[in-house]
Amino acid sequence: MKKWTRWQDWAAVALGLYVALSVLWTTQAGTSTPMLITLGILLAGSGVVSLAMPGLVSVEWIHVAIGALLVISPWVGGYASQMGVAWTSWICGALAIVGGALAIQPARQAHRSPITH
C-alpha cells in the first residue's frame, strides 16, 4: 500500500481539522471548546501518521476510539443541549468510526504483505 493515498486517512485528517476549527463557527457550551480542539487535533494527527505509515493497524483503531469519544463527548462535556456543537461531535465522530473501521482490513493486509520497492 502506498503512502499518502488512502482516502480513509485523508478523511480522518479533514474531519479532525473540521472538528478542531468548528469552535470558530459554532456556539460553545460546557467544556466543548477544549474537548473539540483536543479530539480534533488528535484525529487529524493520527490521520497524518496513518498516511505516512499505512500498515499500522493500531492507528486505525485509534481513529475508531477518537470517533467514539467524539460521539459521547456532548454528554460527558455537558453540551448535548447545544445543538450545533453537539451535532458536529456526533456526525464527525460517527464518520471517524466508519472511516476507521473501513481502514482496518486494508491496513492488516498491508501489514502482512511484503514490502515492495
PDB file of N, CA and C in Angstrom:
ATOM      1  N   MET A   1       0.841  -1.169   0.000  1.00  0.00           N
ATOM      2  CA  MET A   1       0.000   0.000   0.000  1.00  0.00           C
ATOM      3  C   MET A   1       0.893   1.241   0.000  1.00  0.00           C
ATOM      4  N   LYS A   2       0.557   2.178  -0.844  1.00  0.00           N
ATOM      5  CA  LYS A   2       1.375   3.374  -0.994  1.00  0.00           C
ATOM      6  C   LYS A   2       1.043   4.407   0.076  1.00  0.00           C
ATOM      7  N   LYS A   3       2.065   5.129   0.467  1.00  0.00           N
ATOM      8  CA  LYS A   3       1.880   6.199   1.436  1.00  0.00           C
ATOM      9  C   LYS A   3       1.097   7.346   0.817  1.00  0.00           C
ATOM     10  N   TRP A   4       0.379   8.067   1.677  1.00  0.00           N
ATOM     11  CA  TRP A   4      -0.318   9.297   1.315  1.00  0.00           C
ATOM     12  C   TRP A   4      -1.422   9.103   0.278  1.00  0.00           C
ATOM     13  N   THR A   5      -2.016   7.916   0.184  1.00  0.00           N
ATOM     14  CA  THR A   5      -3.031   7.701  -0.842  1.00  0.00           C
ATOM     15  C   THR A   5      -4.384   7.239  -0.310  1.00  0.00           C
ATOM     16  N   ARG A   6      -4.492   6.787   0.914  1.00  0.00           N
ATOM     17  CA  ARG A   6      -5.745   6.198   1.378  1.00  0.00           C
ATOM     18  C   ARG A   6      -6.778   7.254   1.727  1.00  0.00           C
ATOM     19  N   TRP A   7      -7.946   7.115   1.151  1.00  0.00           N
ATOM     20  CA  TRP A   7      -8.999   8.111   1.367  1.00  0.00           C
ATOM     21  C   TRP A   7      -9.475   8.119   2.816  1.00  0.00           C
ATOM     22  N   GLN A   8      -9.458   6.965   3.489  1.00  0.00           N
ATOM     23  CA  GLN A   8      -9.903   6.910   4.881  1.00  0.00           C
ATOM     24  C   GLN A   8      -9.032   7.792   5.773  1.00  0.00           C
ATOM     25  N   ASP A   9      -7.739   7.795   5.511  1.00  0.00           N
ATOM     26  CA  ASP A   9      -6.825   8.591   6.322  1.00  0.00           C
ATOM     27  C   ASP A   9      -6.954  10.074   5.995  1.00  0.00           C
ATOM     28  N   TRP A  10      -7.146  10.391   4.721  1.00  0.00           N
ATOM     29  CA  TRP A  10      -7.380  11.788   4.359  1.00  0.00           C
ATOM     30  C   TRP A  10      -8.690  12.281   4.989  1.00  0.00           C
ATOM     31  N   ALA A  11      -9.690  11.394   5.049  1.00  0.00           N
ATOM     32  CA  ALA A  11     -10.959  11.758   5.688  1.00  0.00           C
ATOM     33  C   ALA A  11     -10.750  12.021   7.178  1.00  0.00           C
ATOM     34  N   ALA A  12      -9.910  11.219   7.833  1.00  0.00           N
ATOM     35  CA  ALA A  12      -9.630  11.438   9.255  1.00  0.00           C
ATOM     36  C   ALA A  12      -8.949  12.793   9.473  1.00  0.00           C
ATOM     37  N   VAL A  13      -8.022  13.142   8.602  1.00  0.00           N
ATOM     38  CA  VAL A  13      -7.351  14.444   8.702  1.00  0.00           C
ATOM     39  C   VAL A  13      -8.368  15.570   8.521  1.00  0.00           C
ATOM     40  N   ALA A  14      -9.207  15.459   7.494  1.00  0.00           N
ATOM     41  CA  ALA A  14     -10.201  16.504   7.231  1.00  0.00           C
ATOM     42  C   ALA A  14     -11.209  16.611   8.372  1.00  0.00           C
ATOM     43  N   LEU A  15     -11.681  15.479   8.865  1.00  0.00           N
ATOM     44  CA  LEU A  15     -12.623  15.508   9.985  1.00  0.00           C
ATOM     45  C   LEU A  15     -11.984  16.116  11.224  1.00  0.00           C
ATOM     46  N   GLY A  16     -10.741  15.737  11.494  1.00  0.00           N
ATOM     47  CA  GLY A  16     -10.050  16.292  12.660  1.00  0.00           C
ATOM     48  C   GLY A  16      -9.895  17.795  12.578  1.00  0.00           C
ATOM     49  N   LEU A  17      -9.507  18.279  11.401  1.00  0.00           N
ATOM     50  CA  LEU A  17      -9.378  19.726  11.219  1.00  0.00           C
ATOM     51  C   LEU A  17     -10.731  20.418  11.355  1.00  0.00           C
ATOM     52  N   TYR A  18     -11.778  19.818  10.783  1.00  0.00           N
ATOM     53  CA  TYR A  18     -13.107  20.399  10.882  1.00  0.00           C
ATOM     54  C   TYR A  18     -13.559  20.474  12.339  1.00  0.00           C
ATOM     55  N   VAL A  19     -13.351  19.395  13.086  1.00  0.00           N
ATOM     56  CA  VAL A  19     -13.750  19.369  14.498  1.00  0.00           C
ATOM     57  C   VAL A  19     -12.988  20.420  15.283  1.00  0.00           C
ATOM     58  N   ALA A  20     -11.675  20.480  15.104  1.00  0.00           N
ATOM     59  CA  ALA A  20     -10.867  21.437  15.864  1.00  0.00           C
ATOM     60  C   ALA A  20     -11.227  22.878  15.531  1.00  0.00           C
ATOM     61  N   LEU A  21     -11.489  23.143  14.262  1.00  0.00           N
ATOM     62  CA  LEU A  21     -11.800  24.512  13.836  1.00  0.00           C
ATOM     63  C   LEU A  21     -13.268  24.882  14.012  1.00  0.00           C
ATOM     64  N   SER A  22     -14.128  23.909  14.273  1.00  0.00           N
ATOM     65  CA  SER A  22     -15.553  24.187  14.408  1.00  0.00           C
ATOM     66  C   SER A  22     -15.873  25.085  15.599  1.00  0.00           C
ATOM     67  N   VAL A  23     -14.939  25.199  16.528  1.00  0.00           N
ATOM     68  CA  VAL A  23     -15.169  26.092  17.670  1.00  0.00           C
ATOM     69  C   VAL A  23     -15.252  27.550  17.216  1.00  0.00           C
ATOM     70  N   LEU A  24     -14.775  27.837  16.007  1.00  0.00           N
ATOM     71  CA  LEU A  24     -14.815  29.203  15.490  1.00  0.00           C
ATOM     72  C   LEU A  24     -16.207  29.596  15.009  1.00  0.00           C
ATOM     73  N   TRP A  25     -17.032  28.634  14.547  1.00  0.00           N
ATOM     74  CA  TRP A  25     -18.331  28.992  13.982  1.00  0.00           C
ATOM     75  C   TRP A  25     -19.526  28.354  14.682  1.00  0.00           C
ATOM     76  N   THR A  26     -19.301  27.566  15.729  1.00  0.00           N
ATOM     77  CA  THR A  26     -20.421  27.014  16.490  1.00  0.00           C
ATOM     78  C   THR A  26     -20.442  27.655  17.872  1.00  0.00           C
ATOM     79  N   THR A  27     -21.631  27.759  18.424  1.00  0.00           N
ATOM     80  CA  THR A  27     -21.783  28.292  19.779  1.00  0.00           C
ATOM     81  C   THR A  27     -21.341  27.224  20.758  1.00  0.00           C
ATOM     82  N   GLN A  28     -20.404  27.571  21.609  1.00  0.00           N
ATOM     83  CA  GLN A  28     -19.812  26.618  22.537  1.00  0.00           C
ATOM     84  C   GLN A  28     -20.559  26.623  23.868  1.00  0.00           C
ATOM     85  N   ALA A  29     -20.532  25.495  24.558  1.00  0.00           N
ATOM     86  CA  ALA A  29     -21.153  25.358  25.874  1.00  0.00           C
ATOM     87  C   ALA A  29     -20.387  24.292  26.650  1.00  0.00           C
ATOM     88  N   GLY A  30     -20.461  24.369  27.949  1.00  0.00           N
ATOM     89  CA  GLY A  30     -19.777  23.376  28.778  1.00  0.00           C
ATOM     90  C   GLY A  30     -18.293  23.355  28.475  1.00  0.00           C
ATOM     91  N   THR A  31     -17.769  22.176  28.322  1.00  0.00           N
ATOM     92  CA  THR A  31     -16.344  22.024  28.013  1.00  0.00           C
ATOM     93  C   THR A  31     -16.129  21.675  26.541  1.00  0.00           C
ATOM     94  N   SER A  32     -17.021  22.155  25.693  1.00  0.00           N
ATOM     95  CA  SER A  32     -16.932  21.785  24.278  1.00  0.00           C
ATOM     96  C   SER A  32     -15.674  22.312  23.599  1.00  0.00           C
ATOM     97  N   THR A  33     -15.244  23.503  23.945  1.00  0.00           N
ATOM     98  CA  THR A  33     -14.076  24.069  23.270  1.00  0.00           C
ATOM     99  C   THR A  33     -12.820  23.216  23.467  1.00  0.00           C
ATOM    100  N   PRO A  34     -12.408  22.933  24.708  1.00  0.00           N
ATOM    101  CA  PRO A  34     -11.187  22.116  24.840  1.00  0.00           C
ATOM    102  C   PRO A  34     -11.361  20.686  24.324  1.00  0.00           C
ATOM    103  N   MET A  35     -12.567  20.135  24.472  1.00  0.00           N
ATOM    104  CA  MET A  35     -12.784  18.765  24.003  1.00  0.00           C
ATOM    105  C   MET A  35     -12.681  18.685  22.480  1.00  0.00           C
ATOM    106  N   LEU A  36     -13.320  19.606  21.775  1.00  0.00           N
ATOM    107  CA  LEU A  36     -13.290  19.566  20.320  1.00  0.00           C
ATOM    108  C   LEU A  36     -11.904  19.872  19.770  1.00  0.00           C
ATOM    109  N   ILE A  37     -11.235  20.834  20.358  1.00  0.00           N
ATOM    110  CA  ILE A  37      -9.889  21.151  19.884  1.00  0.00           C
ATOM    111  C   ILE A  37      -8.955  19.955  20.102  1.00  0.00           C
ATOM    112  N   THR A  38      -8.995  19.376  21.290  1.00  0.00           N
ATOM    113  CA  THR A  38      -8.118  18.249  21.618  1.00  0.00           C
ATOM    114  C   THR A  38      -8.415  17.033  20.740  1.00  0.00           C
ATOM    115  N   LEU A  39      -9.690  16.635  20.679  1.00  0.00           N
ATOM    116  CA  LEU A  39     -10.034  15.451  19.890  1.00  0.00           C
ATOM    117  C   LEU A  39      -9.816  15.687  18.400  1.00  0.00           C
ATOM    118  N   GLY A  40     -10.073  16.902  17.934  1.00  0.00           N
ATOM    119  CA  GLY A  40      -9.836  17.219  16.524  1.00  0.00           C
ATOM    120  C   GLY A  40      -8.362  17.131  16.165  1.00  0.00           C
ATOM    121  N   ILE A  41      -7.517  17.686  17.002  1.00  0.00           N
ATOM    122  CA  ILE A  41      -6.073  17.626  16.749  1.00  0.00           C
ATOM    123  C   ILE A  41      -5.575  16.185  16.801  1.00  0.00           C
ATOM    124  N   LEU A  42      -6.072  15.411  17.773  1.00  0.00           N
ATOM    125  CA  LEU A  42      -5.671  14.004  17.864  1.00  0.00           C
ATOM    126  C   LEU A  42      -6.111  13.214  16.634  1.00  0.00           C
ATOM    127  N   LEU A  43      -7.325  13.464  16.154  1.00  0.00           N
ATOM    128  CA  LEU A  43      -7.815  12.756  14.975  1.00  0.00           C
ATOM    129  C   LEU A  43      -7.020  13.142  13.731  1.00  0.00           C
ATOM    130  N   ALA A  44      -6.791  14.424  13.542  1.00  0.00           N
ATOM    131  CA  ALA A  44      -6.005  14.871  12.382  1.00  0.00           C
ATOM    132  C   ALA A  44      -4.577  14.338  12.460  1.00  0.00           C
ATOM    133  N   GLY A  45      -3.983  14.384  13.637  1.00  0.00           N
ATOM    134  CA  GLY A  45      -2.612  13.883  13.809  1.00  0.00           C
ATOM    135  C   GLY A  45      -2.504  12.396  13.555  1.00  0.00           C
ATOM    136  N   SER A  46      -3.469  11.631  14.046  1.00  0.00           N
ATOM    137  CA  SER A  46      -3.434  10.188  13.797  1.00  0.00           C
ATOM    138  C   SER A  46      -3.675   9.889  12.323  1.00  0.00           C
ATOM    139  N   GLY A  47      -4.451  10.739  11.648  1.00  0.00           N
ATOM    140  CA  GLY A  47      -4.632  10.578  10.206  1.00  0.00           C
ATOM    141  C   GLY A  47      -3.340  10.788   9.441  1.00  0.00           C
ATOM    142  N   VAL A  48      -2.575  11.784   9.850  1.00  0.00           N
ATOM    143  CA  VAL A  48      -1.285  12.044   9.196  1.00  0.00           C
ATOM    144  C   VAL A  48      -0.323  10.882   9.443  1.00  0.00           C
ATOM    145  N   VAL A  49      -0.297  10.372  10.672  1.00  0.00           N
ATOM    146  CA  VAL A  49       0.563   9.224  10.978  1.00  0.00           C
ATOM    147  C   VAL A  49       0.163   8.025  10.125  1.00  0.00           C
ATOM    148  N   SER A  50      -1.134   7.794  10.001  1.00  0.00           N
ATOM    149  CA  SER A  50      -1.606   6.670   9.203  1.00  0.00           C
ATOM    150  C   SER A  50      -1.309   6.856   7.718  1.00  0.00           C
ATOM    151  N   LEU A  51      -1.356   8.092   7.244  1.00  0.00           N
ATOM    152  CA  LEU A  51      -0.985   8.351   5.851  1.00  0.00           C
ATOM    153  C   LEU A  51       0.489   8.063   5.607  1.00  0.00           C
ATOM    154  N   ALA A  52       1.328   8.424   6.560  1.00  0.00           N
ATOM    155  CA  ALA A  52       2.771   8.224   6.418  1.00  0.00           C
ATOM    156  C   ALA A  52       3.174   6.766   6.593  1.00  0.00           C
ATOM    157  N   MET A  53       2.442   6.032   7.442  1.00  0.00           N
ATOM    158  CA  MET A  53       2.748   4.625   7.708  1.00  0.00           C
ATOM    159  C   MET A  53       1.468   3.802   7.584  1.00  0.00           C
ATOM    160  N   PRO A  54       1.040   3.492   6.369  1.00  0.00           N
ATOM    161  CA  PRO A  54      -0.272   2.881   6.151  1.00  0.00           C
ATOM    162  C   PRO A  54      -0.440   1.462   6.688  1.00  0.00           C
ATOM    163  N   GLY A  55       0.597   0.816   7.121  1.00  0.00           N
ATOM    164  CA  GLY A  55       0.477  -0.548   7.624  1.00  0.00           C
ATOM    165  C   GLY A  55       0.222  -0.642   9.110  1.00  0.00           C
ATOM    166  N   LEU A  56       0.081   0.475   9.802  1.00  0.00           N
ATOM    167  CA  LEU A  56      -0.136   0.451  11.244  1.00  0.00           C
ATOM    168  C   LEU A  56      -1.622   0.262  11.551  1.00  0.00           C
ATOM    169  N   VAL A  57      -1.991  -0.943  11.917  1.00  0.00           N
ATOM    170  CA  VAL A  57      -3.384  -1.253  12.223  1.00  0.00           C
ATOM    171  C   VAL A  57      -3.836  -0.512  13.477  1.00  0.00           C
ATOM    172  N   SER A  58      -2.941  -0.334  14.422  1.00  0.00           N
ATOM    173  CA  SER A  58      -3.306   0.317  15.680  1.00  0.00           C
ATOM    174  C   SER A  58      -3.799   1.746  15.473  1.00  0.00           C
ATOM    175  N   VAL A  59      -3.282   2.437  14.486  1.00  0.00           N
ATOM    176  CA  VAL A  59      -3.708   3.820  14.243  1.00  0.00           C
ATOM    177  C   VAL A  59      -5.151   3.845  13.743  1.00  0.00           C
ATOM    178  N   GLU A  60      -5.545   2.843  12.989  1.00  0.00           N
ATOM    179  CA  GLU A  60      -6.941   2.782  12.537  1.00  0.00           C
ATOM    180  C   GLU A  60      -7.879   2.577  13.716  1.00  0.00           C
ATOM    181  N   TRP A  61      -7.452   1.785  14.685  1.00  0.00           N
ATOM    182  CA  TRP A  61      -8.247   1.614  15.900  1.00  0.00           C
ATOM    183  C   TRP A  61      -8.291   2.918  16.699  1.00  0.00           C
ATOM    184  N   ILE A  62      -7.225   3.690  16.635  1.00  0.00           N
ATOM    185  CA  ILE A  62      -7.222   4.996  17.305  1.00  0.00           C
ATOM    186  C   ILE A  62      -8.258   5.910  16.664  1.00  0.00           C
ATOM    187  N   HIS A  63      -8.399   5.870  15.333  1.00  0.00           N
ATOM    188  CA  HIS A  63      -9.448   6.656  14.655  1.00  0.00           C
ATOM    189  C   HIS A  63     -10.823   6.273  15.195  1.00  0.00           C
ATOM    190  N   VAL A  64     -11.059   4.967  15.341  1.00  0.00           N
ATOM    191  CA  VAL A  64     -12.341   4.488  15.852  1.00  0.00           C
ATOM    192  C   VAL A  64     -12.550   4.968  17.290  1.00  0.00           C
ATOM    193  N   ALA A  65     -11.514   4.880  18.111  1.00  0.00           N
ATOM    194  CA  ALA A  65     -11.626   5.299  19.516  1.00  0.00           C
ATOM    195  C   ALA A  65     -11.888   6.797  19.638  1.00  0.00           C
ATOM    196  N   ILE A  66     -11.188   7.600  18.863  1.00  0.00           N
ATOM    197  CA  ILE A  66     -11.412   9.048  18.908  1.00  0.00           C
ATOM    198  C   ILE A  66     -12.814   9.368  18.400  1.00  0.00           C
ATOM    199  N   GLY A  67     -13.267   8.655  17.386  1.00  0.00           N
ATOM    200  CA  GLY A  67     -14.635   8.830  16.906  1.00  0.00           C
ATOM    201  C   GLY A  67     -15.654   8.516  17.996  1.00  0.00           C
ATOM    202  N   ALA A  68     -15.423   7.440  18.738  1.00  0.00           N
ATOM    203  CA  ALA A  68     -16.322   7.090  19.839  1.00  0.00           C
ATOM    204  C   ALA A  68     -16.299   8.170  20.925  1.00  0.00           C
ATOM    205  N   LEU A  69     -15.128   8.707  21.207  1.00  0.00           N
ATOM    206  CA  LEU A  69     -15.041   9.796  22.184  1.00  0.00           C
ATOM    207  C   LEU A  69     -15.797  11.032  21.705  1.00  0.00           C
ATOM    208  N   LEU A  70     -15.723  11.303  20.413  1.00  0.00           N
ATOM    209  CA  LEU A  70     -16.481  12.434  19.866  1.00  0.00           C
ATOM    210  C   LEU A  70     -17.985  12.205  19.993  1.00  0.00           C
ATOM    211  N   VAL A  71     -18.429  10.971  19.795  1.00  0.00           N
ATOM    212  CA  VAL A  71     -19.851  10.677  19.897  1.00  0.00           C
ATOM    213  C   VAL A  71     -20.361  10.875  21.321  1.00  0.00           C
ATOM    214  N   ILE A  72     -19.599  10.459  22.317  1.00  0.00           N
ATOM    215  CA  ILE A  72     -20.069  10.588  23.705  1.00  0.00           C
ATOM    216  C   ILE A  72     -19.726  11.930  24.345  1.00  0.00           C
ATOM    217  N   SER A  73     -18.847  12.693  23.722  1.00  0.00           N
ATOM    218  CA  SER A  73     -18.383  13.937  24.348  1.00  0.00           C
ATOM    219  C   SER A  73     -19.480  14.970  24.630  1.00  0.00           C
ATOM    220  N   PRO A  74     -20.555  15.090  23.848  1.00  0.00           N
ATOM    221  CA  PRO A  74     -21.584  16.063  24.221  1.00  0.00           C
ATOM    222  C   PRO A  74     -22.219  15.779  25.587  1.00  0.00           C
ATOM    223  N   TRP A  75     -22.382  14.516  25.936  1.00  0.00           N
ATOM    224  CA  TRP A  75     -22.953  14.182  27.232  1.00  0.00           C
ATOM    225  C   TRP A  75     -21.908  14.314  28.338  1.00  0.00           C
ATOM    226  N   VAL A  76     -20.706  13.885  28.068  1.00  0.00           N
ATOM    227  CA  VAL A  76     -19.633  13.975  29.060  1.00  0.00           C
ATOM    228  C   VAL A  76     -19.251  15.428  29.312  1.00  0.00           C
ATOM    229  N   GLY A  77     -19.177  16.216  28.250  1.00  0.00           N
ATOM    230  CA  GLY A  77     -18.757  17.610  28.359  1.00  0.00           C
ATOM    231  C   GLY A  77     -19.866  18.591  28.677  1.00  0.00           C
ATOM    232  N   GLY A  78     -21.094  18.115  28.774  1.00  0.00           N
ATOM    233  CA  GLY A  78     -22.197  18.980  29.157  1.00  0.00           C
ATOM    234  C   GLY A  78     -22.660  19.933  28.077  1.00  0.00           C
ATOM    235  N   TYR A  79     -22.556  19.523  26.814  1.00  0.00           N
ATOM    236  CA  TYR A  79     -23.029  20.398  25.751  1.00  0.00           C
ATOM    237  C   TYR A  79     -23.989  19.690  24.798  1.00  0.00           C
ATOM    238  N   ALA A  80     -24.649  18.653  25.270  1.00  0.00           N
ATOM    239  CA  ALA A  80     -25.596  17.926  24.430  1.00  0.00           C
ATOM    240  C   ALA A  80     -26.810  18.780  24.065  1.00  0.00           C
ATOM    241  N   SER A  81     -27.140  19.760  24.880  1.00  0.00           N
ATOM    242  CA  SER A  81     -28.299  20.609  24.584  1.00  0.00           C
ATOM    243  C   SER A  81     -27.969  21.718  23.588  1.00  0.00           C
ATOM    244  N   GLN A  82     -26.702  21.956  23.335  1.00  0.00           N
ATOM    245  CA  GLN A  82     -26.269  22.973  22.357  1.00  0.00           C
ATOM    246  C   GLN A  82     -26.166  22.296  20.999  1.00  0.00           C
ATOM    247  N   MET A  83     -27.222  22.376  20.220  1.00  0.00           N
ATOM    248  CA  MET A  83     -27.361  21.536  19.028  1.00  0.00           C
ATOM    249  C   MET A  83     -26.243  21.673  17.994  1.00  0.00           C
ATOM    250  N   GLY A  84     -25.782  22.849  17.677  1.00  0.00           N
ATOM    251  CA  GLY A  84     -24.758  22.994  16.645  1.00  0.00           C
ATOM    252  C   GLY A  84     -23.482  22.247  16.972  1.00  0.00           C
ATOM    253  N   VAL A  85     -22.960  22.479  18.144  1.00  0.00           N
ATOM    254  CA  VAL A  85     -21.700  21.847  18.524  1.00  0.00           C
ATOM    255  C   VAL A  85     -21.902  20.355  18.831  1.00  0.00           C
ATOM    256  N   ALA A  86     -23.060  20.002  19.378  1.00  0.00           N
ATOM    257  CA  ALA A  86     -23.333  18.595  19.666  1.00  0.00           C
ATOM    258  C   ALA A  86     -23.439  17.794  18.368  1.00  0.00           C
ATOM    259  N   TRP A  87     -24.151  18.323  17.382  1.00  0.00           N
ATOM    260  CA  TRP A  87     -24.265  17.628  16.102  1.00  0.00           C
ATOM    261  C   TRP A  87     -22.921  17.523  15.404  1.00  0.00           C
ATOM    262  N   THR A  88     -22.082  18.515  15.546  1.00  0.00           N
ATOM    263  CA  THR A  88     -20.729  18.428  14.990  1.00  0.00           C
ATOM    264  C   THR A  88     -19.996  17.238  15.595  1.00  0.00           C
ATOM    265  N   SER A  89     -20.073  17.089  16.908  1.00  0.00           N
ATOM    266  CA  SER A  89     -19.422  15.959  17.579  1.00  0.00           C
ATOM    267  C   SER A  89     -20.004  14.635  17.136  1.00  0.00           C
ATOM    268  N   TRP A  90     -21.324  14.543  17.105  1.00  0.00           N
ATOM    269  CA  TRP A  90     -21.969  13.277  16.761  1.00  0.00           C
ATOM    270  C   TRP A  90     -21.683  12.859  15.321  1.00  0.00           C
ATOM    271  N   ILE A  91     -21.847  13.767  14.386  1.00  0.00           N
ATOM    272  CA  ILE A  91     -21.664  13.417  12.975  1.00  0.00           C
ATOM    273  C   ILE A  91     -20.206  13.118  12.659  1.00  0.00           C
ATOM    274  N   CYS A  92     -19.310  13.995  13.088  1.00  0.00           N
ATOM    275  CA  CYS A  92     -17.880  13.765  12.812  1.00  0.00           C
ATOM    276  C   CYS A  92     -17.380  12.525  13.536  1.00  0.00           C
ATOM    277  N   GLY A  93     -17.871  12.268  14.739  1.00  0.00           N
ATOM    278  CA  GLY A  93     -17.494  11.057  15.463  1.00  0.00           C
ATOM    279  C   GLY A  93     -17.945   9.802  14.751  1.00  0.00           C
ATOM    280  N   ALA A  94     -19.195   9.816  14.268  1.00  0.00           N
ATOM    281  CA  ALA A  94     -19.717   8.653  13.541  1.00  0.00           C
ATOM    282  C   ALA A  94     -18.937   8.422  12.251  1.00  0.00           C
ATOM    283  N   LEU A  95     -18.616   9.493  11.540  1.00  0.00           N
ATOM    284  CA  LEU A  95     -17.837   9.355  10.309  1.00  0.00           C
ATOM    285  C   LEU A  95     -16.428   8.830  10.594  1.00  0.00           C
ATOM    286  N   ALA A  96     -15.826   9.268  11.702  1.00  0.00           N
ATOM    287  CA  ALA A  96     -14.498   8.769  12.072  1.00  0.00           C
ATOM    288  C   ALA A  96     -14.544   7.283  12.411  1.00  0.00           C
ATOM    289  N   ILE A  97     -15.612   6.861  13.078  1.00  0.00           N
ATOM    290  CA  ILE A  97     -15.763   5.436  13.403  1.00  0.00           C
ATOM    291  C   ILE A  97     -15.885   4.614  12.121  1.00  0.00           C
ATOM    292  N   VAL A  98     -16.742   5.053  11.210  1.00  0.00           N
ATOM    293  CA  VAL A  98     -16.942   4.314   9.955  1.00  0.00           C
ATOM    294  C   VAL A  98     -15.662   4.297   9.122  1.00  0.00           C
ATOM    295  N   GLY A  99     -15.013   5.451   8.973  1.00  0.00           N
ATOM    296  CA  GLY A  99     -13.773   5.506   8.194  1.00  0.00           C
ATOM    297  C   GLY A  99     -12.671   4.655   8.796  1.00  0.00           C
ATOM    298  N   GLY A 100     -12.526   4.714  10.109  1.00  0.00           N
ATOM    299  CA  GLY A 100     -11.520   3.889  10.779  1.00  0.00           C
ATOM    300  C   GLY A 100     -11.808   2.405  10.634  1.00  0.00           C
ATOM    301  N   ALA A 101     -13.087   2.040  10.763  1.00  0.00           N
ATOM    302  CA  ALA A 101     -13.460   0.631  10.630  1.00  0.00           C
ATOM    303  C   ALA A 101     -13.213   0.127   9.209  1.00  0.00           C
ATOM    304  N   LEU A 102     -13.492   0.962   8.221  1.00  0.00           N
ATOM    305  CA  LEU A 102     -13.252   0.569   6.833  1.00  0.00           C
ATOM    306  C   LEU A 102     -11.762   0.453   6.509  1.00  0.00           C
ATOM    307  N   ALA A 103     -10.915   1.127   7.278  1.00  0.00           N
ATOM    308  CA  ALA A 103      -9.476   1.110   7.012  1.00  0.00           C
ATOM    309  C   ALA A 103      -8.740  -0.011   7.737  1.00  0.00           C
ATOM    310  N   ILE A 104      -9.399  -0.668   8.670  1.00  0.00           N
ATOM    311  CA  ILE A 104      -8.707  -1.696   9.464  1.00  0.00           C
ATOM    312  C   ILE A 104      -8.256  -2.868   8.600  1.00  0.00           C
ATOM    313  N   GLN A 105      -9.152  -3.424   7.797  1.00  0.00           N
ATOM    314  CA  GLN A 105      -8.791  -4.587   6.980  1.00  0.00           C
ATOM    315  C   GLN A 105      -7.694  -4.272   5.963  1.00  0.00           C
ATOM    316  N   PRO A 106      -7.773  -3.169   5.204  1.00  0.00           N
ATOM    317  CA  PRO A 106      -6.656  -2.862   4.289  1.00  0.00           C
ATOM    318  C   PRO A 106      -5.334  -2.657   5.027  1.00  0.00           C
ATOM    319  N   ALA A 107      -5.372  -2.088   6.216  1.00  0.00           N
ATOM    320  CA  ALA A 107      -4.143  -1.900   6.994  1.00  0.00           C
ATOM    321  C   ALA A 107      -3.575  -3.242   7.424  1.00  0.00           C
ATOM    322  N   ARG A 108      -4.450  -4.168   7.795  1.00  0.00           N
ATOM    323  CA  ARG A 108      -3.977  -5.517   8.147  1.00  0.00           C
ATOM    324  C   ARG A 108      -3.307  -6.185   6.963  1.00  0.00           C
ATOM    325  N   GLN A 109      -3.918  -6.060   5.796  1.00  0.00           N
ATOM    326  CA  GLN A 109      -3.337  -6.672   4.596  1.00  0.00           C
ATOM    327  C   GLN A 109      -1.999  -6.032   4.246  1.00  0.00           C
ATOM    328  N   ALA A 110      -1.894  -4.727   4.407  1.00  0.00           N
ATOM    329  CA  ALA A 110      -0.631  -4.050   4.131  1.00  0.00           C
ATOM    330  C   ALA A 110       0.433  -4.459   5.130  1.00  0.00           C
ATOM    331  N   HIS A 111       0.027  -4.691   6.355  1.00  0.00           N
ATOM    332  CA  HIS A 111       0.960  -5.099   7.401  1.00  0.00           C
ATOM    333  C   HIS A 111       1.511  -6.504   7.127  1.00  0.00           C
ATOM    334  N   ARG A 112       0.681  -7.359   6.568  1.00  0.00           N
ATOM    335  CA  ARG A 112       1.091  -8.751   6.300  1.00  0.00           C
ATOM    336  C   ARG A 112       1.864  -8.921   5.014  1.00  0.00           C
ATOM    337  N   SER A 113       1.635  -8.050   4.043  1.00  0.00           N
ATOM    338  CA  SER A 113       2.284  -8.247   2.751  1.00  0.00           C
ATOM    339  C   SER A 113       3.732  -7.772   2.790  1.00  0.00           C
ATOM    340  N   PRO A 114       4.574  -8.365   1.954  1.00  0.00           N
ATOM    341  CA  PRO A 114       5.987  -7.965   1.925  1.00  0.00           C
ATOM    342  C   PRO A 114       6.126  -6.547   1.349  1.00  0.00           C
ATOM    343  N   ILE A 115       7.137  -5.874   1.781  1.00  0.00           N
ATOM    344  CA  ILE A 115       7.403  -4.518   1.307  1.00  0.00           C
ATOM    345  C   ILE A 115       8.009  -4.578  -0.093  1.00  0.00           C
ATOM    346  N   THR A 116       7.450  -3.791  -1.004  1.00  0.00           N
ATOM    347  CA  THR A 116       7.987  -3.740  -2.350  1.00  0.00           C
ATOM    348  C   THR A 116       8.677  -2.400  -2.562  1.00  0.00           C
ATOM    349  N   HIS A 117       9.720  -2.410  -3.335  1.00  0.00           N
ATOM    350  CA  HIS A 117      10.476  -1.163  -3.595  1.00  0.00           C
ATOM    351  C   HIS A 117      10.365  -0.764  -5.026  1.00  0.00           C
TER     352      HIS A 117
END
